[in-house]
């Protein structure tokens, strides 16, 4: 994989490890495949909004914390329309 395409998903893995969960156990808990968890953590796959919300609820974290490359918080921005 091209390193320029790699994204930072260390918070996702950090939260999983804080709960002493293997990828396999997390996958079981969330009814996902272990391969999906691996790809999400590695940044080689983006989650659907439903998957992202499921993970955020499970860990009790914000979407922008778990997936900062996808869900960005913007402050004080207005549409130019």
C-alpha atoms as a PDB file:
ATOM      1  CA  UNK A   1       0.000   0.000   0.000  1.00  0.00           C
ATOM      2  CA  UNK A   2       1.195   3.496  -0.822  1.00  0.00           C
ATOM      3  CA  UNK A   3       2.145   5.237   2.430  1.00  0.00           C
ATOM      4  CA  UNK A   4       0.610   8.476   1.114  1.00  0.00           C
ATOM      5  CA  UNK A   5      -2.797   6.779   1.245  1.00  0.00           C
ATOM      6  CA  UNK A   6      -2.407   5.523   4.824  1.00  0.00           C
ATOM      7  CA  UNK A   7      -4.552   7.348   7.361  1.00  0.00           C
ATOM      8  CA  UNK A   8      -4.255   7.665  11.120  1.00  0.00           C
ATOM      9  CA  UNK A   9      -6.628   5.361  12.949  1.00  0.00           C
ATOM     10  CA  UNK A  10      -4.490   4.898  16.057  1.00  0.00           C
ATOM     11  CA  UNK A  11      -7.331   6.056  18.332  1.00  0.00           C
ATOM     12  CA  UNK A  12      -9.548   3.223  17.157  1.00  0.00           C
ATOM     13  CA  UNK A  13      -6.880   0.659  17.985  1.00  0.00           C
ATOM     14  CA  UNK A  14      -5.990   2.447  21.242  1.00  0.00           C
ATOM     15  CA  UNK A  15      -9.592   2.241  22.446  1.00  0.00           C
ATOM     16  CA  UNK A  16      -9.827  -1.433  21.534  1.00  0.00           C
ATOM     17  CA  UNK A  17      -6.638  -2.197  23.451  1.00  0.00           C
ATOM     18  CA  UNK A  18      -7.776  -0.132  26.477  1.00  0.00           C
ATOM     19  CA  UNK A  19     -10.689  -2.539  26.783  1.00  0.00           C
ATOM     20  CA  UNK A  20      -8.342  -5.531  26.393  1.00  0.00           C
ATOM     21  CA  UNK A  21     -10.176  -6.649  23.274  1.00  0.00           C
ATOM     22  CA  UNK A  22      -8.676  -8.577  20.427  1.00  0.00           C
ATOM     23  CA  UNK A  23      -9.835  -7.728  16.926  1.00  0.00           C
ATOM     24  CA  UNK A  24     -11.660 -11.042  16.916  1.00  0.00           C
ATOM     25  CA  UNK A  25     -13.539 -10.265  20.162  1.00  0.00           C
ATOM     26  CA  UNK A  26     -14.451  -6.741  19.026  1.00  0.00           C
ATOM     27  CA  UNK A  27     -15.676  -8.120  15.720  1.00  0.00           C
ATOM     28  CA  UNK A  28     -17.815 -10.653  17.584  1.00  0.00           C
ATOM     29  CA  UNK A  29     -19.259  -7.989  19.914  1.00  0.00           C
ATOM     30  CA  UNK A  30     -20.208  -5.741  16.992  1.00  0.00           C
ATOM     31  CA  UNK A  31     -21.230  -8.530  14.604  1.00  0.00           C
ATOM     32  CA  UNK A  32     -18.529  -7.612  12.065  1.00  0.00           C
ATOM     33  CA  UNK A  33     -15.721  -9.589  10.549  1.00  0.00           C
ATOM     34  CA  UNK A  34     -12.262  -9.514  12.076  1.00  0.00           C
ATOM     35  CA  UNK A  35     -10.943  -8.478   8.661  1.00  0.00           C
ATOM     36  CA  UNK A  36     -13.220  -5.419   8.689  1.00  0.00           C
ATOM     37  CA  UNK A  37     -11.833  -4.341  12.076  1.00  0.00           C
ATOM     38  CA  UNK A  38      -8.282  -4.833  10.797  1.00  0.00           C
ATOM     39  CA  UNK A  39      -8.899  -2.755   7.676  1.00  0.00           C
ATOM     40  CA  UNK A  40     -10.610   0.005   9.654  1.00  0.00           C
ATOM     41  CA  UNK A  41      -7.688   0.163  12.088  1.00  0.00           C
ATOM     42  CA  UNK A  42      -5.129   0.023   9.293  1.00  0.00           C
ATOM     43  CA  UNK A  43      -6.927   2.800   7.438  1.00  0.00           C
ATOM     44  CA  UNK A  44      -7.281   0.719   4.294  1.00  0.00           C
ATOM     45  CA  UNK A  45     -11.073   0.812   4.541  1.00  0.00           C
ATOM     46  CA  UNK A  46     -13.471   3.565   5.493  1.00  0.00           C
ATOM     47  CA  UNK A  47     -16.471   2.697   7.636  1.00  0.00           C
ATOM     48  CA  UNK A  48     -20.042   3.209   6.561  1.00  0.00           C
ATOM     49  CA  UNK A  49     -21.805   5.792   8.691  1.00  0.00           C
ATOM     50  CA  UNK A  50     -23.651   2.977  10.464  1.00  0.00           C
ATOM     51  CA  UNK A  51     -20.402   1.147  11.253  1.00  0.00           C
ATOM     52  CA  UNK A  52     -18.721   4.351  12.419  1.00  0.00           C
ATOM     53  CA  UNK A  53     -21.675   5.137  14.716  1.00  0.00           C
ATOM     54  CA  UNK A  54     -21.702   1.580  16.053  1.00  0.00           C
ATOM     55  CA  UNK A  55     -18.004   1.839  16.970  1.00  0.00           C
ATOM     56  CA  UNK A  56     -18.419   5.323  18.471  1.00  0.00           C
ATOM     57  CA  UNK A  57     -21.301   4.147  20.656  1.00  0.00           C
ATOM     58  CA  UNK A  58     -19.465   0.994  21.685  1.00  0.00           C
ATOM     59  CA  UNK A  59     -16.377   2.939  22.793  1.00  0.00           C
ATOM     60  CA  UNK A  60     -18.290   6.000  24.019  1.00  0.00           C
ATOM     61  CA  UNK A  61     -16.193   8.284  21.804  1.00  0.00           C
ATOM     62  CA  UNK A  62     -16.905  10.892  19.163  1.00  0.00           C
ATOM     63  CA  UNK A  63     -16.718  10.020  15.482  1.00  0.00           C
ATOM     64  CA  UNK A  64     -14.025  12.636  14.875  1.00  0.00           C
ATOM     65  CA  UNK A  65     -11.857  11.048  17.582  1.00  0.00           C
ATOM     66  CA  UNK A  66     -12.045   7.529  16.137  1.00  0.00           C
ATOM     67  CA  UNK A  67     -11.982   8.590  12.481  1.00  0.00           C
ATOM     68  CA  UNK A  68     -10.284  12.016  12.316  1.00  0.00           C
ATOM     69  CA  UNK A  69      -9.544  11.572   8.612  1.00  0.00           C
ATOM     70  CA  UNK A  70     -13.257  11.330   7.799  1.00  0.00           C
ATOM     71  CA  UNK A  71     -15.227  13.235  10.417  1.00  0.00           C
ATOM     72  CA  UNK A  72     -13.799  16.702  10.909  1.00  0.00           C
ATOM     73  CA  UNK A  73     -15.189  19.253  13.318  1.00  0.00           C
ATOM     74  CA  UNK A  74     -15.551  22.720  11.885  1.00  0.00           C
ATOM     75  CA  UNK A  75     -15.990  25.783  14.032  1.00  0.00           C
ATOM     76  CA  UNK A  76     -17.620  29.002  12.920  1.00  0.00           C
ATOM     77  CA  UNK A  77     -17.934  28.084   9.268  1.00  0.00           C
ATOM     78  CA  UNK A  78     -20.755  29.334   7.071  1.00  0.00           C
ATOM     79  CA  UNK A  79     -21.878  28.378   3.616  1.00  0.00           C
ATOM     80  CA  UNK A  80     -21.071  30.891   0.883  1.00  0.00           C
ATOM     81  CA  UNK A  81     -24.331  30.144  -0.948  1.00  0.00           C
END
